[in-house]
Amino acid sequence: MRQIKHHLTEPLLMGYAAGTLPEAFNLVVATHISMCDTCRAALAEYEAVGGEVMLEAGPVDVADDALAATLAKIDGSPVQETMRPARKADSIFPGPLQDYVSGDPDTLKWRKVGGGVSQLVLKTSNDASVRLLRIPAGTAVPDHGHRGTELTLVLQGAFTDEEDRFGVGDVEVANEDLHHTPVAESGMDCICLAATDAPLRFNGLIPRIAQRFVGI
């Protein structure tokens, strides 16, 4: 049975409920929520509060032609039907993530970023970025700090850093105050979903050079 010890923060849950987070952060939050009963219950409470606020809000004036303009845009938009692959129940990628990733870890087109670590950047809006990281068992990610916020959700294996141990379902929320060196535990490659809203701050010369090409 999965035991999740590291959960989402209240600001992240409230932002997700209010629809104010970047798409990349939404993906990490939605994926964690699909794995975590505790955060799913907390989200339901925030959504209930938001619903009450909307019910108590006063009416807002709109233009007389607002409905007609909206319907015209709908009629003028091309309809695109996208066939999505069936979701795999035994995949390490939870439902929300399977909308962005097609395939299994061994069939994805990973790109090496140095030190044995590989990544797969997922396509989202430009206000933040999100990627899958594959860290070989026993391998350390170069020590780094943060210029903004980084959310890291473990999907397979586990890693440790100066803060704690993070296993499947755990999410680490890092900001400018955290400087760490994550190390994948032995036995199994660690696969994580990581979202950032600003570039990381690497200490080593080689990681800083590589950063220009891999976009971390």
C-alpha atoms as a PDB file:
ATOM      1  CA  MET A   1       0.000   0.000   0.000  1.00  0.00           C
ATOM      2  CA  ARG A   2       1.318   3.432  -0.984  1.00  0.00           C
ATOM      3  CA  GLN A   3       2.126   5.734   1.941  1.00  0.00           C
ATOM      4  CA  ILE A   4       2.364   9.353   0.840  1.00  0.00           C
ATOM      5  CA  LYS A   5       4.119  11.535   3.393  1.00  0.00           C
ATOM      6  CA  HIS A   6       4.747  14.716   1.414  1.00  0.00           C
ATOM      7  CA  HIS A   7       1.677  16.564   0.179  1.00  0.00           C
ATOM      8  CA  LEU A   8       0.738  19.683  -1.754  1.00  0.00           C
ATOM      9  CA  THR A   9       0.698  23.027   0.034  1.00  0.00           C
ATOM     10  CA  GLU A  10      -2.495  24.962   0.706  1.00  0.00           C
ATOM     11  CA  PRO A  11      -1.583  27.735  -1.795  1.00  0.00           C
ATOM     12  CA  LEU A  12      -1.127  25.124  -4.537  1.00  0.00           C
ATOM     13  CA  LEU A  13      -4.451  23.454  -3.777  1.00  0.00           C
ATOM     14  CA  MET A  14      -6.244  26.796  -3.640  1.00  0.00           C
ATOM     15  CA  GLY A  15      -4.591  27.930  -6.868  1.00  0.00           C
ATOM     16  CA  TYR A  16      -5.598  24.711  -8.591  1.00  0.00           C
ATOM     17  CA  ALA A  17      -9.179  25.042  -7.359  1.00  0.00           C
ATOM     18  CA  ALA A  18      -9.303  28.666  -8.517  1.00  0.00           C
ATOM     19  CA  GLY A  19      -7.692  27.922 -11.879  1.00  0.00           C
ATOM     20  CA  THR A  20      -4.802  30.350 -11.372  1.00  0.00           C
ATOM     21  CA  LEU A  21      -1.824  27.971 -11.700  1.00  0.00           C
ATOM     22  CA  PRO A  22       0.262  27.549 -14.862  1.00  0.00           C
ATOM     23  CA  GLU A  23      -0.609  24.489 -16.929  1.00  0.00           C
ATOM     24  CA  ALA A  24       2.674  22.805 -15.960  1.00  0.00           C
ATOM     25  CA  PHE A  25       1.878  23.136 -12.252  1.00  0.00           C
ATOM     26  CA  ASN A  26      -1.713  22.044 -12.864  1.00  0.00           C
ATOM     27  CA  LEU A  27      -0.399  18.824 -14.374  1.00  0.00           C
ATOM     28  CA  VAL A  28       1.751  18.011 -11.342  1.00  0.00           C
ATOM     29  CA  VAL A  29      -1.068  18.891  -8.936  1.00  0.00           C
ATOM     30  CA  ALA A  30      -3.662  16.864 -10.868  1.00  0.00           C
ATOM     31  CA  THR A  31      -1.331  13.869 -11.068  1.00  0.00           C
ATOM     32  CA  HIS A  32      -0.591  13.968  -7.335  1.00  0.00           C
ATOM     33  CA  ILE A  33      -4.275  14.378  -6.488  1.00  0.00           C
ATOM     34  CA  SER A  34      -5.084  11.283  -8.529  1.00  0.00           C
ATOM     35  CA  MET A  35      -2.670   9.354  -6.270  1.00  0.00           C
ATOM     36  CA  CYS A  36      -3.425  10.971  -2.895  1.00  0.00           C
ATOM     37  CA  ASP A  37      -6.683  10.642  -0.950  1.00  0.00           C
ATOM     38  CA  THR A  38      -5.626  13.338   1.538  1.00  0.00           C
ATOM     39  CA  CYS A  39      -5.054  16.061  -1.051  1.00  0.00           C
ATOM     40  CA  ARG A  40      -8.098  14.993  -3.058  1.00  0.00           C
ATOM     41  CA  ALA A  41     -10.283  15.521   0.018  1.00  0.00           C
ATOM     42  CA  ALA A  42      -8.646  18.883   0.755  1.00  0.00           C
ATOM     43  CA  LEU A  43      -9.220  20.002  -2.841  1.00  0.00           C
ATOM     44  CA  ALA A  44     -12.913  19.141  -2.566  1.00  0.00           C
ATOM     45  CA  GLU A  45     -13.176  21.457   0.440  1.00  0.00           C
ATOM     46  CA  TYR A  46     -11.522  24.352  -1.414  1.00  0.00           C
ATOM     47  CA  GLU A  47     -13.774  23.800  -4.416  1.00  0.00           C
ATOM     48  CA  ALA A  48     -16.822  23.819  -2.134  1.00  0.00           C
ATOM     49  CA  VAL A  49     -15.709  27.122  -0.612  1.00  0.00           C
ATOM     50  CA  GLY A  50     -15.159  28.556  -4.072  1.00  0.00           C
ATOM     51  CA  GLY A  51     -18.648  27.480  -5.086  1.00  0.00           C
ATOM     52  CA  GLU A  52     -20.165  29.276  -2.107  1.00  0.00           C
ATOM     53  CA  VAL A  53     -18.233  32.426  -2.928  1.00  0.00           C
ATOM     54  CA  MET A  54     -19.596  32.381  -6.486  1.00  0.00           C
ATOM     55  CA  LEU A  55     -23.142  31.891  -5.234  1.00  0.00           C
ATOM     56  CA  GLU A  56     -22.838  34.886  -2.920  1.00  0.00           C
ATOM     57  CA  ALA A  57     -21.206  37.124  -5.533  1.00  0.00           C
ATOM     58  CA  GLY A  58     -23.339  39.865  -6.990  1.00  0.00           C
ATOM     59  CA  PRO A  59     -24.371  40.033 -10.651  1.00  0.00           C
ATOM     60  CA  VAL A  60     -21.898  41.444 -13.166  1.00  0.00           C
ATOM     61  CA  ASP A  61     -22.989  43.544 -16.132  1.00  0.00           C
ATOM     62  CA  VAL A  62     -22.057  42.230 -19.563  1.00  0.00           C
ATOM     63  CA  ALA A  63     -22.414  43.723 -23.006  1.00  0.00           C
ATOM     64  CA  ASP A  64     -25.799  43.305 -24.696  1.00  0.00           C
ATOM     65  CA  ASP A  65     -24.238  41.323 -27.530  1.00  0.00           C
ATOM     66  CA  ALA A  66     -22.081  39.090 -25.305  1.00  0.00           C
ATOM     67  CA  LEU A  67     -24.132  35.929 -25.933  1.00  0.00           C
ATOM     68  CA  ALA A  68     -24.316  36.488 -29.676  1.00  0.00           C
ATOM     69  CA  ALA A  69     -20.570  37.147 -29.856  1.00  0.00           C
ATOM     70  CA  THR A  70     -19.783  33.994 -27.904  1.00  0.00           C
ATOM     71  CA  LEU A  71     -22.032  31.839 -30.081  1.00  0.00           C
ATOM     72  CA  ALA A  72     -20.469  33.331 -33.212  1.00  0.00           C
ATOM     73  CA  LYS A  73     -16.986  32.366 -32.006  1.00  0.00           C
ATOM     74  CA  ILE A  74     -18.160  28.835 -31.289  1.00  0.00           C
ATOM     75  CA  ASP A  75     -19.747  28.496 -34.719  1.00  0.00           C
ATOM     76  CA  GLY A  76     -16.613  29.818 -36.394  1.00  0.00           C
ATOM     77  CA  SER A  77     -14.198  27.505 -34.604  1.00  0.00           C
ATOM     78  CA  PRO A  78     -13.097  24.327 -36.380  1.00  0.00           C
ATOM     79  CA  VAL A  79     -14.065  21.135 -34.607  1.00  0.00           C
ATOM     80  CA  GLN A  80     -11.130  18.840 -34.007  1.00  0.00           C
ATOM     81  CA  GLU A  81     -11.579  15.308 -32.778  1.00  0.00           C
ATOM     82  CA  THR A  82      -8.480  13.808 -31.248  1.00  0.00           C
ATOM     83  CA  MET A  83      -8.261  10.080 -30.694  1.00  0.00           C
ATOM     84  CA  ARG A  84      -6.575   9.447 -27.360  1.00  0.00           C
ATOM     85  CA  PRO A  85      -4.989   6.118 -26.590  1.00  0.00           C
ATOM     86  CA  ALA A  86      -6.717   3.996 -23.986  1.00  0.00           C
ATOM     87  CA  ARG A  87      -5.390   4.552 -20.481  1.00  0.00           C
ATOM     88  CA  LYS A  88      -3.374   1.722 -19.023  1.00  0.00           C
ATOM     89  CA  ALA A  89      -4.333   0.733 -15.507  1.00  0.00           C
ATOM     90  CA  ASP A  90      -0.905  -0.741 -14.812  1.00  0.00           C
ATOM     91  CA  SER A  91       1.078   2.251 -16.070  1.00  0.00           C
ATOM     92  CA  ILE A  92       3.286   4.237 -13.689  1.00  0.00           C
ATOM     93  CA  PHE A  93       1.768   7.315 -15.327  1.00  0.00           C
ATOM     94  CA  PRO A  94      -1.540   8.217 -13.591  1.00  0.00           C
ATOM     95  CA  GLY A  95      -4.565   9.257 -15.641  1.00  0.00           C
ATOM     96  CA  PRO A  96      -3.920  13.025 -15.847  1.00  0.00           C
ATOM     97  CA  LEU A  97      -0.366  12.390 -17.037  1.00  0.00           C
ATOM     98  CA  GLN A  98      -1.408   9.845 -19.661  1.00  0.00           C
ATOM     99  CA  ASP A  99      -3.084  12.709 -21.533  1.00  0.00           C
ATOM    100  CA  TYR A 100       0.403  14.145 -22.067  1.00  0.00           C
ATOM    101  CA  VAL A 101       2.525  10.999 -22.356  1.00  0.00           C
ATOM    102  CA  SER A 102       1.971   8.131 -24.770  1.00  0.00           C
ATOM    103  CA  GLY A 103       3.959   5.018 -24.068  1.00  0.00           C
ATOM    104  CA  ASP A 104       5.814   3.355 -21.249  1.00  0.00           C
ATOM    105  CA  PRO A 105       9.085   4.549 -19.647  1.00  0.00           C
ATOM    106  CA  ASP A 106      11.150   2.182 -21.795  1.00  0.00           C
ATOM    107  CA  THR A 107       9.573   3.350 -25.066  1.00  0.00           C
ATOM    108  CA  LEU A 108       9.695   7.118 -24.520  1.00  0.00           C
ATOM    109  CA  LYS A 109      12.199   9.273 -26.386  1.00  0.00           C
ATOM    110  CA  TRP A 110      14.341  10.328 -23.435  1.00  0.00           C
ATOM    111  CA  ARG A 111      17.019  12.977 -23.959  1.00  0.00           C
ATOM    112  CA  LYS A 112      20.214  12.729 -21.931  1.00  0.00           C
ATOM    113  CA  VAL A 113      21.042  15.834 -19.900  1.00  0.00           C
ATOM    114  CA  GLY A 114      24.288  14.677 -18.265  1.00  0.00           C
ATOM    115  CA  GLY A 115      25.406  12.459 -15.422  1.00  0.00           C
ATOM    116  CA  GLY A 116      23.207   9.615 -16.636  1.00  0.00           C
ATOM    117  CA  VAL A 117      20.020  11.659 -16.066  1.00  0.00           C
ATOM    118  CA  SER A 118      17.488  11.830 -18.913  1.00  0.00           C
ATOM    119  CA  GLN A 119      14.450  14.008 -19.473  1.00  0.00           C
ATOM    120  CA  LEU A 120      11.362  14.300 -21.627  1.00  0.00           C
ATOM    121  CA  VAL A 121       9.912  17.804 -21.878  1.00  0.00           C
ATOM    122  CA  LEU A 122       6.116  17.852 -22.072  1.00  0.00           C
ATOM    123  CA  LYS A 123       4.258  20.384 -24.158  1.00  0.00           C
ATOM    124  CA  THR A 124       2.374  22.944 -22.045  1.00  0.00           C
ATOM    125  CA  SER A 125       1.821  26.708 -21.960  1.00  0.00           C
ATOM    126  CA  ASN A 126       4.876  28.957 -21.805  1.00  0.00           C
ATOM    127  CA  ASP A 127       4.393  30.385 -18.290  1.00  0.00           C
ATOM    128  CA  ALA A 128       6.129  27.341 -16.748  1.00  0.00           C
ATOM    129  CA  SER A 129       7.715  24.108 -17.956  1.00  0.00           C
ATOM    130  CA  VAL A 130       7.237  20.476 -16.978  1.00  0.00           C
ATOM    131  CA  ARG A 131       9.287  17.384 -17.754  1.00  0.00           C
ATOM    132  CA  LEU A 132       9.718  13.764 -16.882  1.00  0.00           C
ATOM    133  CA  LEU A 133      13.086  13.019 -15.302  1.00  0.00           C
ATOM    134  CA  ARG A 134      14.694   9.593 -15.241  1.00  0.00           C
ATOM    135  CA  ILE A 135      17.495   9.288 -12.685  1.00  0.00           C
ATOM    136  CA  PRO A 136      19.396   5.983 -12.700  1.00  0.00           C
ATOM    137  CA  ALA A 137      19.423   4.145  -9.380  1.00  0.00           C
ATOM    138  CA  GLY A 138      22.192   5.440  -7.129  1.00  0.00           C
ATOM    139  CA  THR A 139      22.786   8.540  -9.271  1.00  0.00           C
ATOM    140  CA  ALA A 140      22.824  12.102  -7.954  1.00  0.00           C
ATOM    141  CA  VAL A 141      21.356  15.106  -9.725  1.00  0.00           C
ATOM    142  CA  PRO A 142      23.901  17.971  -9.712  1.00  0.00           C
ATOM    143  CA  ASP A 143      23.509  20.157  -6.632  1.00  0.00           C
ATOM    144  CA  HIS A 144      21.374  23.179  -7.371  1.00  0.00           C
ATOM    145  CA  GLY A 145      19.211  25.942  -6.004  1.00  0.00           C
ATOM    146  CA  HIS A 146      16.057  27.555  -7.372  1.00  0.00           C
ATOM    147  CA  ARG A 147      15.176  30.916  -8.859  1.00  0.00           C
ATOM    148  CA  GLY A 148      11.472  30.211  -8.487  1.00  0.00           C
ATOM    149  CA  THR A 149       9.236  27.291  -7.553  1.00  0.00           C
ATOM    150  CA  GLU A 150       9.853  23.668  -8.482  1.00  0.00           C
ATOM    151  CA  LEU A 151       7.361  20.850  -7.916  1.00  0.00           C
ATOM    152  CA  THR A 152       8.783  17.318  -8.100  1.00  0.00           C
ATOM    153  CA  LEU A 153       6.431  14.337  -7.946  1.00  0.00           C
ATOM    154  CA  VAL A 154       7.851  10.815  -7.688  1.00  0.00           C
ATOM    155  CA  LEU A 155       6.251   8.267 -10.036  1.00  0.00           C
ATOM    156  CA  GLN A 156       8.691   5.378  -9.656  1.00  0.00           C
ATOM    157  CA  GLY A 157      11.473   4.585  -7.211  1.00  0.00           C
ATOM    158  CA  ALA A 158      12.545   7.176  -4.659  1.00  0.00           C
ATOM    159  CA  PHE A 159      15.105   9.889  -4.000  1.00  0.00           C
ATOM    160  CA  THR A 160      16.636  11.488  -0.954  1.00  0.00           C
ATOM    161  CA  ASP A 161      18.099  14.943  -0.432  1.00  0.00           C
ATOM    162  CA  GLU A 162      19.094  17.204   2.421  1.00  0.00           C
ATOM    163  CA  GLU A 163      15.430  17.610   3.365  1.00  0.00           C
ATOM    164  CA  ASP A 164      13.970  14.061   3.451  1.00  0.00           C
ATOM    165  CA  ARG A 165      13.144  10.925   1.504  1.00  0.00           C
ATOM    166  CA  PHE A 166      10.559  11.082  -1.271  1.00  0.00           C
ATOM    167  CA  GLY A 167       8.836   7.927  -2.528  1.00  0.00           C
ATOM    168  CA  VAL A 168       6.076   7.216  -5.025  1.00  0.00           C
ATOM    169  CA  GLY A 169       3.300   9.802  -4.719  1.00  0.00           C
ATOM    170  CA  ASP A 170       5.371  12.215  -2.636  1.00  0.00           C
ATOM    171  CA  VAL A 171       5.791  15.743  -3.937  1.00  0.00           C
ATOM    172  CA  GLU A 172       8.625  18.085  -2.989  1.00  0.00           C
ATOM    173  CA  VAL A 173       7.855  21.807  -3.171  1.00  0.00           C
ATOM    174  CA  ALA A 174      11.099  23.752  -3.566  1.00  0.00           C
ATOM    175  CA  ASN A 175      11.648  27.500  -3.627  1.00  0.00           C
ATOM    176  CA  GLU A 176      14.531  29.973  -3.489  1.00  0.00           C
ATOM    177  CA  ASP A 177      15.408  28.874   0.047  1.00  0.00           C
ATOM    178  CA  LEU A 178      16.164  25.259  -0.883  1.00  0.00           C
ATOM    179  CA  HIS A 179      19.569  24.135  -2.129  1.00  0.00           C
ATOM    180  CA  HIS A 180      19.876  20.376  -2.502  1.00  0.00           C
ATOM    181  CA  THR A 181      21.411  17.357  -4.216  1.00  0.00           C
ATOM    182  CA  PRO A 182      18.733  14.742  -4.943  1.00  0.00           C
ATOM    183  CA  VAL A 183      20.044  11.162  -5.112  1.00  0.00           C
ATOM    184  CA  ALA A 184      18.028   8.267  -6.544  1.00  0.00           C
ATOM    185  CA  GLU A 185      17.873   5.286  -4.226  1.00  0.00           C
ATOM    186  CA  SER A 186      19.479   2.020  -5.315  1.00  0.00           C
ATOM    187  CA  GLY A 187      17.469  -0.809  -6.809  1.00  0.00           C
ATOM    188  CA  MET A 188      15.264   1.063  -9.298  1.00  0.00           C
ATOM    189  CA  ASP A 189      15.544   4.107 -11.532  1.00  0.00           C
ATOM    190  CA  CYS A 190      13.712   7.099 -10.105  1.00  0.00           C
ATOM    191  CA  ILE A 191      11.197   8.667 -12.482  1.00  0.00           C
ATOM    192  CA  CYS A 192       9.770  12.045 -11.497  1.00  0.00           C
ATOM    193  CA  LEU A 193       7.436  14.661 -12.911  1.00  0.00           C
ATOM    194  CA  ALA A 194       8.995  18.095 -12.328  1.00  0.00           C
ATOM    195  CA  ALA A 195       7.564  21.541 -13.053  1.00  0.00           C
ATOM    196  CA  THR A 196       9.457  24.832 -12.767  1.00  0.00           C
ATOM    197  CA  ASP A 197       8.542  28.463 -13.342  1.00  0.00           C
ATOM    198  CA  ALA A 198      12.168  29.656 -13.501  1.00  0.00           C
ATOM    199  CA  PRO A 199      15.553  28.119 -14.410  1.00  0.00           C
ATOM    200  CA  LEU A 200      17.428  26.198 -11.725  1.00  0.00           C
ATOM    201  CA  ARG A 201      20.632  27.584 -10.240  1.00  0.00           C
ATOM    202  CA  PHE A 202      23.457  25.049 -10.701  1.00  0.00           C
ATOM    203  CA  ASN A 203      26.790  25.450  -8.929  1.00  0.00           C
ATOM    204  CA  GLY A 204      28.989  23.320 -11.180  1.00  0.00           C
ATOM    205  CA  LEU A 205      30.403  24.688 -14.434  1.00  0.00           C
ATOM    206  CA  ILE A 206      29.421  21.691 -16.570  1.00  0.00           C
ATOM    207  CA  PRO A 207      25.753  21.659 -15.431  1.00  0.00           C
ATOM    208  CA  ARG A 208      25.552  25.419 -16.057  1.00  0.00           C
ATOM    209  CA  ILE A 209      26.845  24.941 -19.601  1.00  0.00           C
ATOM    210  CA  ALA A 210      24.479  22.026 -20.240  1.00  0.00           C
ATOM    211  CA  GLN A 211      21.588  24.066 -18.878  1.00  0.00           C
ATOM    212  CA  ARG A 212      21.656  26.284 -21.975  1.00  0.00           C
ATOM    213  CA  PHE A 213      20.870  23.307 -24.171  1.00  0.00           C
ATOM    214  CA  VAL A 214      18.424  21.280 -22.073  1.00  0.00           C
ATOM    215  CA  GLY A 215      16.319  24.144 -20.748  1.00  0.00           C
ATOM    216  CA  ILE A 216      16.195  23.204 -17.064  1.00  0.00           C
END
